[in-house]
Amino acid sequence: MALSPRVMGIVNVTPDSFFPDSRTPTTLAAIERGRSLRVAGADVIDIGGESTRPGATLVSTDEEIARVVPVVAALAGEVVVSVDTSKPEVARATVAAGATIINDVTGELVELAGELGVGIVAMHSRGLPATTPEAPTSPDIVGEVVAFLEERAVRARSAGVPRLWLDPGIGFSKTADENWALLGHLGEIVTLAHGYGADVLVGTSRKRFLDTLTGTANVAERLEASLATATWAMACGVDLVRVHDVAATAQARDLLVGRRSEAVA
């Protein structure tokens, strides 16, 4: 397990992200949420200007830049800022504004991150939920994801990326069973990543597959399952968890790390 896993807080500068409490449709609201998440314990603030939920309305590059750049510029001097985008132009604009991590849900911006000298989260996806909600199932989802992430790690090393996080893409065009299988094999993914000098990011927060555990179909009732899966991920050695509920997750992290330290002492 990482000595002290980090917590990434989510700021959605959107009107339609799947968890209503994370929506900040104005620049001021987004800046205020970012600052409140930092105070709550976020090590990184992830700012996104386009929802990737199933059925979401895609936005133009210019609109996405207009949404996120002012927020990045306001927060970059206060906390580590990541930009959640798959558009090269948005990545360039936000890095110029102070972002130091590109969180790319397609995993295709590795070379750009190397060019810009910033970190990148490279995620596995078989199409984004907004455009490909019903991706075909895989006979070996763990093998597929591990192979993809290894290929991205090799590309990142060749591109000179200074910091890499590999993300198995839980909840992205995968069935509930596939998501649970990936959670069950996080140790294998962590071993792969660390072998390449990379870290692992996992995001399960408030996602729909958790309903198979809770028996509900309400995003507002997924807090406990989100905390359980984030804690499991950190116990498996994951380095960064992406969450909506920062204070609760940071508390769970601190408890987990504290108990581990006591056991080692």
C-alpha atoms as a PDB file:
ATOM      1  CA  MET A   1       0.000   0.000   0.000  1.00  0.00           C
ATOM      2  CA  ALA A   2       1.191   3.520  -0.753  1.00  0.00           C
ATOM      3  CA  LEU A   3       2.532   5.150   2.408  1.00  0.00           C
ATOM      4  CA  SER A   4      -0.047   7.906   2.093  1.00  0.00           C
ATOM      5  CA  PRO A   5      -2.548   7.621  -0.761  1.00  0.00           C
ATOM      6  CA  ARG A   6      -3.704  10.947  -2.170  1.00  0.00           C
ATOM      7  CA  VAL A   7      -7.245  12.208  -2.646  1.00  0.00           C
ATOM      8  CA  MET A   8      -8.392  13.943  -5.837  1.00  0.00           C
ATOM      9  CA  GLY A   9     -11.496  16.112  -5.468  1.00  0.00           C
ATOM     10  CA  ILE A  10     -13.907  16.592  -8.350  1.00  0.00           C
ATOM     11  CA  VAL A  11     -15.045  19.974  -9.662  1.00  0.00           C
ATOM     12  CA  ASN A  12     -17.447  19.788 -12.597  1.00  0.00           C
ATOM     13  CA  VAL A  13     -17.945  23.121 -14.351  1.00  0.00           C
ATOM     14  CA  THR A  14     -21.019  21.660 -16.004  1.00  0.00           C
ATOM     15  CA  PRO A  15     -24.803  21.717 -15.676  1.00  0.00           C
ATOM     16  CA  ASP A  16     -25.254  17.994 -16.329  1.00  0.00           C
ATOM     17  CA  SER A  17     -22.692  15.831 -14.522  1.00  0.00           C
ATOM     18  CA  PHE A  18     -24.259  12.680 -13.098  1.00  0.00           C
ATOM     19  CA  PHE A  19     -23.929  13.674  -9.410  1.00  0.00           C
ATOM     20  CA  PRO A  20     -25.896  16.911  -8.936  1.00  0.00           C
ATOM     21  CA  ASP A  21     -23.935  17.998  -5.856  1.00  0.00           C
ATOM     22  CA  SER A  22     -20.744  18.183  -7.935  1.00  0.00           C
ATOM     23  CA  ARG A  23     -22.176  20.534 -10.564  1.00  0.00           C
ATOM     24  CA  THR A  24     -20.814  24.081 -10.516  1.00  0.00           C
ATOM     25  CA  PRO A  25     -22.335  25.827 -13.550  1.00  0.00           C
ATOM     26  CA  THR A  26     -20.579  29.141 -12.893  1.00  0.00           C
ATOM     27  CA  THR A  27     -16.906  30.052 -12.600  1.00  0.00           C
ATOM     28  CA  LEU A  28     -17.334  31.460  -9.108  1.00  0.00           C
ATOM     29  CA  ALA A  29     -19.152  28.362  -7.858  1.00  0.00           C
ATOM     30  CA  ALA A  30     -16.441  26.128  -9.301  1.00  0.00           C
ATOM     31  CA  ILE A  31     -13.666  28.143  -7.654  1.00  0.00           C
ATOM     32  CA  GLU A  32     -15.483  28.063  -4.323  1.00  0.00           C
ATOM     33  CA  ARG A  33     -16.008  24.298  -4.561  1.00  0.00           C
ATOM     34  CA  GLY A  34     -12.339  23.766  -5.409  1.00  0.00           C
ATOM     35  CA  ARG A  35     -11.258  25.775  -2.386  1.00  0.00           C
ATOM     36  CA  SER A  36     -13.687  23.988  -0.096  1.00  0.00           C
ATOM     37  CA  LEU A  37     -12.436  20.604  -1.304  1.00  0.00           C
ATOM     38  CA  ARG A  38      -8.847  21.671  -0.664  1.00  0.00           C
ATOM     39  CA  VAL A  39      -9.760  22.629   2.900  1.00  0.00           C
ATOM     40  CA  ALA A  40     -11.582  19.307   3.269  1.00  0.00           C
ATOM     41  CA  GLY A  41      -8.394  17.425   2.449  1.00  0.00           C
ATOM     42  CA  ALA A  42      -8.034  17.174  -1.324  1.00  0.00           C
ATOM     43  CA  ASP A  43      -4.443  16.865  -2.496  1.00  0.00           C
ATOM     44  CA  VAL A  44      -5.427  17.436  -6.122  1.00  0.00           C
ATOM     45  CA  ILE A  45      -8.415  19.266  -7.633  1.00  0.00           C
ATOM     46  CA  ASP A  46      -9.676  17.770 -10.902  1.00  0.00           C
ATOM     47  CA  ILE A  47     -11.531  20.322 -13.027  1.00  0.00           C
ATOM     48  CA  GLY A  48     -13.735  19.215 -15.892  1.00  0.00           C
ATOM     49  CA  GLY A  49     -15.851  21.192 -18.347  1.00  0.00           C
ATOM     50  CA  GLU A  50     -17.635  18.373 -20.171  1.00  0.00           C
ATOM     51  CA  SER A  51     -19.647  15.554 -18.643  1.00  0.00           C
ATOM     52  CA  THR A  52     -18.847  11.988 -19.714  1.00  0.00           C
ATOM     53  CA  ARG A  53     -21.987  10.437 -18.233  1.00  0.00           C
ATOM     54  CA  PRO A  54     -24.246   8.349 -20.534  1.00  0.00           C
ATOM     55  CA  GLY A  55     -26.336  10.651 -22.693  1.00  0.00           C
ATOM     56  CA  ALA A  56     -24.426  13.797 -21.800  1.00  0.00           C
ATOM     57  CA  THR A  57     -24.365  16.688 -24.237  1.00  0.00           C
ATOM     58  CA  LEU A  58     -20.925  17.117 -25.755  1.00  0.00           C
ATOM     59  CA  VAL A  59     -19.544  20.651 -25.814  1.00  0.00           C
ATOM     60  CA  SER A  60     -17.274  22.430 -28.247  1.00  0.00           C
ATOM     61  CA  THR A  61     -13.590  22.956 -27.594  1.00  0.00           C
ATOM     62  CA  ASP A  62     -14.098  26.711 -27.215  1.00  0.00           C
ATOM     63  CA  GLU A  63     -16.910  26.213 -24.695  1.00  0.00           C
ATOM     64  CA  GLU A  64     -14.886  23.727 -22.657  1.00  0.00           C
ATOM     65  CA  ILE A  65     -11.915  26.108 -22.563  1.00  0.00           C
ATOM     66  CA  ALA A  66     -14.166  28.981 -21.490  1.00  0.00           C
ATOM     67  CA  ARG A  67     -15.551  26.868 -18.663  1.00  0.00           C
ATOM     68  CA  VAL A  68     -12.335  25.521 -17.192  1.00  0.00           C
ATOM     69  CA  VAL A  69      -9.478  27.945 -17.837  1.00  0.00           C
ATOM     70  CA  PRO A  70     -10.647  30.671 -15.397  1.00  0.00           C
ATOM     71  CA  VAL A  71     -11.138  28.044 -12.685  1.00  0.00           C
ATOM     72  CA  VAL A  72      -7.722  26.520 -13.294  1.00  0.00           C
ATOM     73  CA  ALA A  73      -6.084  29.953 -13.236  1.00  0.00           C
ATOM     74  CA  ALA A  74      -7.750  30.821  -9.922  1.00  0.00           C
ATOM     75  CA  LEU A  75      -6.859  27.564  -8.155  1.00  0.00           C
ATOM     76  CA  ALA A  76      -3.450  26.682  -9.624  1.00  0.00           C
ATOM     77  CA  GLY A  77      -1.546  28.823  -7.142  1.00  0.00           C
ATOM     78  CA  GLU A  78      -3.340  27.221  -4.188  1.00  0.00           C
ATOM     79  CA  VAL A  79      -3.404  23.484  -4.906  1.00  0.00           C
ATOM     80  CA  VAL A  80      -2.269  20.922  -7.477  1.00  0.00           C
ATOM     81  CA  VAL A  81      -4.724  21.186 -10.384  1.00  0.00           C
ATOM     82  CA  SER A  82      -5.667  18.501 -12.873  1.00  0.00           C
ATOM     83  CA  VAL A  83      -7.809  19.071 -15.943  1.00  0.00           C
ATOM     84  CA  ASP A  84     -10.289  16.377 -16.927  1.00  0.00           C
ATOM     85  CA  THR A  85     -10.273  16.492 -20.716  1.00  0.00           C
ATOM     86  CA  SER A  86      -9.568  14.442 -23.820  1.00  0.00           C
ATOM     87  CA  LYS A  87      -9.179  17.446 -26.124  1.00  0.00           C
ATOM     88  CA  PRO A  88      -5.585  18.490 -26.947  1.00  0.00           C
ATOM     89  CA  GLU A  89      -6.534  22.164 -27.289  1.00  0.00           C
ATOM     90  CA  VAL A  90      -8.172  22.196 -23.848  1.00  0.00           C
ATOM     91  CA  ALA A  91      -5.161  20.458 -22.344  1.00  0.00           C
ATOM     92  CA  ARG A  92      -2.785  23.041 -23.831  1.00  0.00           C
ATOM     93  CA  ALA A  93      -4.900  25.979 -22.653  1.00  0.00           C
ATOM     94  CA  THR A  94      -5.268  24.688 -19.109  1.00  0.00           C
ATOM     95  CA  VAL A  95      -1.605  23.782 -18.743  1.00  0.00           C
ATOM     96  CA  ALA A  96      -0.802  27.335 -19.826  1.00  0.00           C
ATOM     97  CA  ALA A  97      -3.182  28.500 -17.075  1.00  0.00           C
ATOM     98  CA  GLY A  98      -1.399  26.426 -14.424  1.00  0.00           C
ATOM     99  CA  ALA A  99      -2.677  22.837 -14.528  1.00  0.00           C
ATOM    100  CA  THR A 100       0.090  20.298 -13.949  1.00  0.00           C
ATOM    101  CA  ILE A 101      -1.846  17.079 -14.664  1.00  0.00           C
ATOM    102  CA  ILE A 102      -3.961  16.058 -17.652  1.00  0.00           C
ATOM    103  CA  ASN A 103      -6.659  13.565 -16.677  1.00  0.00           C
ATOM    104  CA  ASP A 104      -7.379  11.944 -20.035  1.00  0.00           C
ATOM    105  CA  VAL A 105     -10.256   9.473 -20.122  1.00  0.00           C
ATOM    106  CA  THR A 106      -9.170   8.240 -23.562  1.00  0.00           C
ATOM    107  CA  GLY A 107      -5.518   7.690 -22.701  1.00  0.00           C
ATOM    108  CA  GLU A 108      -4.532   9.272 -26.016  1.00  0.00           C
ATOM    109  CA  LEU A 109      -2.776  12.438 -24.812  1.00  0.00           C
ATOM    110  CA  VAL A 110       0.357  10.742 -23.511  1.00  0.00           C
ATOM    111  CA  GLU A 111       2.698  12.286 -26.069  1.00  0.00           C
ATOM    112  CA  LEU A 112       1.172  15.722 -25.512  1.00  0.00           C
ATOM    113  CA  ALA A 113       1.840  15.437 -21.786  1.00  0.00           C
ATOM    114  CA  GLY A 114       5.454  14.623 -22.566  1.00  0.00           C
ATOM    115  CA  GLU A 115       5.680  17.624 -24.892  1.00  0.00           C
ATOM    116  CA  LEU A 116       4.193  19.941 -22.260  1.00  0.00           C
ATOM    117  CA  GLY A 117       6.220  18.455 -19.407  1.00  0.00           C
ATOM    118  CA  VAL A 118       3.220  17.662 -17.202  1.00  0.00           C
ATOM    119  CA  GLY A 119       1.797  14.573 -15.561  1.00  0.00           C
ATOM    120  CA  ILE A 120      -1.006  12.543 -17.097  1.00  0.00           C
ATOM    121  CA  VAL A 121      -3.670  10.108 -16.014  1.00  0.00           C
ATOM    122  CA  ALA A 122      -4.078   7.551 -18.813  1.00  0.00           C
ATOM    123  CA  MET A 123      -7.370   5.707 -18.480  1.00  0.00           C
ATOM    124  CA  HIS A 124      -8.658   2.545 -20.112  1.00  0.00           C
ATOM    125  CA  SER A 125     -11.949   2.941 -21.961  1.00  0.00           C
ATOM    126  CA  ARG A 126     -13.713   1.110 -24.768  1.00  0.00           C
ATOM    127  CA  GLY A 127     -15.565   4.265 -25.714  1.00  0.00           C
ATOM    128  CA  LEU A 128     -16.924   6.977 -23.481  1.00  0.00           C
ATOM    129  CA  PRO A 129     -20.326   6.539 -21.808  1.00  0.00           C
ATOM    130  CA  ALA A 130     -21.577   9.758 -23.400  1.00  0.00           C
ATOM    131  CA  THR A 131     -21.096   8.291 -26.884  1.00  0.00           C
ATOM    132  CA  THR A 132     -20.722   4.529 -26.321  1.00  0.00           C
ATOM    133  CA  PRO A 133     -22.917   3.555 -23.366  1.00  0.00           C
ATOM    134  CA  GLU A 134     -23.226  -0.099 -24.447  1.00  0.00           C
ATOM    135  CA  ALA A 135     -19.684  -1.284 -25.159  1.00  0.00           C
ATOM    136  CA  PRO A 136     -19.322  -5.025 -25.771  1.00  0.00           C
ATOM    137  CA  THR A 137     -18.324  -7.147 -22.800  1.00  0.00           C
ATOM    138  CA  SER A 138     -14.876  -8.680 -22.674  1.00  0.00           C
ATOM    139  CA  PRO A 139     -14.062 -12.365 -22.093  1.00  0.00           C
ATOM    140  CA  ASP A 140     -11.071 -11.196 -20.039  1.00  0.00           C
ATOM    141  CA  ILE A 141     -11.568  -7.639 -18.808  1.00  0.00           C
ATOM    142  CA  VAL A 142      -8.593  -7.780 -16.453  1.00  0.00           C
ATOM    143  CA  GLY A 143      -6.247  -8.980 -19.190  1.00  0.00           C
ATOM    144  CA  GLU A 144      -7.572  -6.370 -21.597  1.00  0.00           C
ATOM    145  CA  VAL A 145      -7.102  -3.529 -19.125  1.00  0.00           C
ATOM    146  CA  VAL A 146      -3.653  -4.674 -17.989  1.00  0.00           C
ATOM    147  CA  ALA A 147      -2.444  -4.923 -21.607  1.00  0.00           C
ATOM    148  CA  PHE A 148      -3.797  -1.458 -22.423  1.00  0.00           C
ATOM    149  CA  LEU A 149      -2.239   0.146 -19.359  1.00  0.00           C
ATOM    150  CA  GLU A 150       1.113  -1.475 -20.015  1.00  0.00           C
ATOM    151  CA  GLU A 151       1.073  -0.128 -23.567  1.00  0.00           C
ATOM    152  CA  ARG A 152       0.348   3.355 -22.226  1.00  0.00           C
ATOM    153  CA  ALA A 153       3.138   3.043 -19.685  1.00  0.00           C
ATOM    154  CA  VAL A 154       5.603   2.195 -22.454  1.00  0.00           C
ATOM    155  CA  ARG A 155       4.375   5.132 -24.524  1.00  0.00           C
ATOM    156  CA  ALA A 156       4.646   7.496 -21.569  1.00  0.00           C
ATOM    157  CA  ARG A 157       8.215   6.418 -20.867  1.00  0.00           C
ATOM    158  CA  SER A 158       9.143   6.954 -24.531  1.00  0.00           C
ATOM    159  CA  ALA A 159       7.455  10.364 -24.532  1.00  0.00           C
ATOM    160  CA  GLY A 160       9.324  11.554 -21.444  1.00  0.00           C
ATOM    161  CA  VAL A 161       6.203  12.038 -19.310  1.00  0.00           C
ATOM    162  CA  PRO A 162       7.420  13.233 -15.894  1.00  0.00           C
ATOM    163  CA  ARG A 163       4.572  11.660 -13.877  1.00  0.00           C
ATOM    164  CA  LEU A 164       2.113   8.970 -14.922  1.00  0.00           C
ATOM    165  CA  TRP A 165      -1.007   7.573 -13.305  1.00  0.00           C
ATOM    166  CA  LEU A 166      -2.673   4.507 -14.842  1.00  0.00           C
ATOM    167  CA  ASP A 167      -6.450   4.274 -14.423  1.00  0.00           C
ATOM    168  CA  PRO A 168      -8.386   1.027 -15.097  1.00  0.00           C
ATOM    169  CA  GLY A 169     -11.449   3.072 -16.050  1.00  0.00           C
ATOM    170  CA  ILE A 170     -13.944   1.623 -13.615  1.00  0.00           C
ATOM    171  CA  GLY A 171     -17.470   2.604 -14.636  1.00  0.00           C
ATOM    172  CA  PHE A 172     -16.521   3.553 -18.190  1.00  0.00           C
ATOM    173  CA  SER A 173     -18.441   1.398 -20.677  1.00  0.00           C
ATOM    174  CA  LYS A 174     -18.066  -1.678 -18.493  1.00  0.00           C
ATOM    175  CA  THR A 175     -20.620  -3.961 -16.900  1.00  0.00           C
ATOM    176  CA  ALA A 176     -21.011  -4.116 -13.134  1.00  0.00           C
ATOM    177  CA  ASP A 177     -19.363  -7.546 -13.106  1.00  0.00           C
ATOM    178  CA  GLU A 178     -16.404  -6.193 -15.081  1.00  0.00           C
ATOM    179  CA  ASN A 179     -16.031  -3.290 -12.648  1.00  0.00           C
ATOM    180  CA  TRP A 180     -16.058  -5.629  -9.650  1.00  0.00           C
ATOM    181  CA  ALA A 181     -13.528  -7.900 -11.369  1.00  0.00           C
ATOM    182  CA  LEU A 182     -11.167  -4.965 -11.859  1.00  0.00           C
ATOM    183  CA  LEU A 183     -11.524  -3.970  -8.220  1.00  0.00           C
ATOM    184  CA  GLY A 184     -10.647  -7.522  -7.273  1.00  0.00           C
ATOM    185  CA  HIS A 185      -7.433  -7.372  -9.307  1.00  0.00           C
ATOM    186  CA  LEU A 186      -6.181  -3.936  -8.315  1.00  0.00           C
ATOM    187  CA  GLY A 187      -3.079  -5.448  -6.763  1.00  0.00           C
ATOM    188  CA  GLU A 188      -2.038  -6.759 -10.176  1.00  0.00           C
ATOM    189  CA  ILE A 189      -2.566  -3.333 -11.747  1.00  0.00           C
ATOM    190  CA  VAL A 190      -0.586  -1.635  -8.968  1.00  0.00           C
ATOM    191  CA  THR A 191       2.302  -4.068  -9.425  1.00  0.00           C
ATOM    192  CA  LEU A 192       2.325  -3.385 -13.169  1.00  0.00           C
ATOM    193  CA  ALA A 193       2.272   0.398 -12.725  1.00  0.00           C
ATOM    194  CA  HIS A 194       4.939   0.509 -10.052  1.00  0.00           C
ATOM    195  CA  GLY A 195       7.152  -1.666 -12.223  1.00  0.00           C
ATOM    196  CA  TYR A 196       7.136   1.152 -14.777  1.00  0.00           C
ATOM    197  CA  GLY A 197       7.628   3.866 -12.172  1.00  0.00           C
ATOM    198  CA  ALA A 198       3.981   4.901 -12.544  1.00  0.00           C
ATOM    199  CA  ASP A 199       1.170   5.312 -10.029  1.00  0.00           C
ATOM    200  CA  VAL A 200      -2.445   4.139 -10.115  1.00  0.00           C
ATOM    201  CA  LEU A 201      -5.610   6.234  -9.948  1.00  0.00           C
ATOM    202  CA  VAL A 202      -9.012   4.695  -9.264  1.00  0.00           C
ATOM    203  CA  GLY A 203     -12.387   6.411  -9.406  1.00  0.00           C
ATOM    204  CA  THR A 204     -15.482   4.605  -8.132  1.00  0.00           C
ATOM    205  CA  SER A 205     -17.180   7.578  -6.506  1.00  0.00           C
ATOM    206  CA  ARG A 206     -20.999   7.543  -6.716  1.00  0.00           C
ATOM    207  CA  LYS A 207     -20.932   5.389  -9.874  1.00  0.00           C
ATOM    208  CA  ARG A 208     -23.927   3.366 -11.013  1.00  0.00           C
ATOM    209  CA  PHE A 209     -22.364  -0.085 -10.678  1.00  0.00           C
ATOM    210  CA  LEU A 210     -22.361   0.433  -6.899  1.00  0.00           C
ATOM    211  CA  ASP A 211     -26.137  -0.060  -6.982  1.00  0.00           C
ATOM    212  CA  THR A 212     -25.502  -3.794  -7.350  1.00  0.00           C
ATOM    213  CA  LEU A 213     -24.004  -3.610  -3.858  1.00  0.00           C
ATOM    214  CA  THR A 214     -26.420  -1.177  -2.247  1.00  0.00           C
ATOM    215  CA  GLY A 215     -29.629  -2.383  -3.876  1.00  0.00           C
ATOM    216  CA  THR A 216     -30.627   1.201  -4.668  1.00  0.00           C
ATOM    217  CA  ALA A 217     -30.759   3.217  -7.874  1.00  0.00           C
ATOM    218  CA  ASN A 218     -30.145   6.636  -6.395  1.00  0.00           C
ATOM    219  CA  VAL A 219     -26.826   8.460  -6.715  1.00  0.00           C
ATOM    220  CA  ALA A 220     -27.538  10.216  -3.403  1.00  0.00           C
ATOM    221  CA  GLU A 221     -27.423   6.856  -1.601  1.00  0.00           C
ATOM    222  CA  ARG A 222     -24.008   5.718  -2.804  1.00  0.00           C
ATOM    223  CA  LEU A 223     -21.770   7.412  -0.229  1.00  0.00           C
ATOM    224  CA  GLU A 224     -21.078   4.337   1.898  1.00  0.00           C
ATOM    225  CA  ALA A 225     -20.332   2.148  -1.117  1.00  0.00           C
ATOM    226  CA  SER A 226     -18.084   4.873  -2.529  1.00  0.00           C
ATOM    227  CA  LEU A 227     -16.128   5.040   0.719  1.00  0.00           C
ATOM    228  CA  ALA A 228     -15.859   1.257   0.949  1.00  0.00           C
ATOM    229  CA  THR A 229     -14.487   0.893  -2.568  1.00  0.00           C
ATOM    230  CA  ALA A 230     -12.111   3.855  -2.220  1.00  0.00           C
ATOM    231  CA  THR A 231     -10.760   2.400   1.021  1.00  0.00           C
ATOM    232  CA  TRP A 232     -10.372  -1.003  -0.625  1.00  0.00           C
ATOM    233  CA  ALA A 233      -8.478   0.614  -3.497  1.00  0.00           C
ATOM    234  CA  MET A 234      -6.112   2.394  -1.117  1.00  0.00           C
ATOM    235  CA  ALA A 235      -5.553  -0.822   0.843  1.00  0.00           C
ATOM    236  CA  CYS A 236      -4.605  -2.500  -2.450  1.00  0.00           C
ATOM    237  CA  GLY A 237      -1.851   0.077  -2.971  1.00  0.00           C
ATOM    238  CA  VAL A 238      -3.623   2.577  -5.227  1.00  0.00           C
ATOM    239  CA  ASP A 239      -1.879   5.942  -5.041  1.00  0.00           C
ATOM    240  CA  LEU A 240      -4.730   8.326  -5.864  1.00  0.00           C
ATOM    241  CA  VAL A 241      -8.514   8.056  -5.530  1.00  0.00           C
ATOM    242  CA  ARG A 242     -10.820  10.413  -7.415  1.00  0.00           C
ATOM    243  CA  VAL A 243     -13.881  11.276  -5.319  1.00  0.00           C
ATOM    244  CA  HIS A 244     -16.800  13.619  -4.849  1.00  0.00           C
ATOM    245  CA  ASP A 245     -16.839  13.242  -1.043  1.00  0.00           C
ATOM    246  CA  VAL A 246     -13.398  14.490  -0.092  1.00  0.00           C
ATOM    247  CA  ALA A 247     -13.713  14.973   3.668  1.00  0.00           C
ATOM    248  CA  ALA A 248     -15.099  11.492   4.324  1.00  0.00           C
ATOM    249  CA  THR A 249     -12.553   9.851   2.009  1.00  0.00           C
ATOM    250  CA  ALA A 250      -9.624  11.744   3.528  1.00  0.00           C
ATOM    251  CA  GLN A 251     -10.770  10.641   6.971  1.00  0.00           C
ATOM    252  CA  ALA A 252     -10.961   7.009   5.809  1.00  0.00           C
ATOM    253  CA  ARG A 253      -7.489   7.351   4.276  1.00  0.00           C
ATOM    254  CA  ASP A 254      -6.014   8.804   7.455  1.00  0.00           C
ATOM    255  CA  LEU A 255      -7.531   6.003   9.528  1.00  0.00           C
ATOM    256  CA  LEU A 256      -6.201   3.378   7.124  1.00  0.00           C
ATOM    257  CA  VAL A 257      -2.698   4.851   7.039  1.00  0.00           C
ATOM    258  CA  GLY A 258      -2.645   5.384  10.796  1.00  0.00           C
ATOM    259  CA  ARG A 259      -3.616   1.796  11.557  1.00  0.00           C
ATOM    260  CA  ARG A 260      -1.011   0.543   9.086  1.00  0.00           C
ATOM    261  CA  SER A 261       1.664   2.643  10.797  1.00  0.00           C
ATOM    262  CA  GLU A 262       0.674   1.210  14.174  1.00  0.00           C
ATOM    263  CA  ALA A 263       0.934  -2.319  12.817  1.00  0.00           C
ATOM    264  CA  VAL A 264       4.420  -1.669  11.416  1.00  0.00           C
ATOM    265  CA  ALA A 265       5.708   0.070  14.574  1.00  0.00           C
END
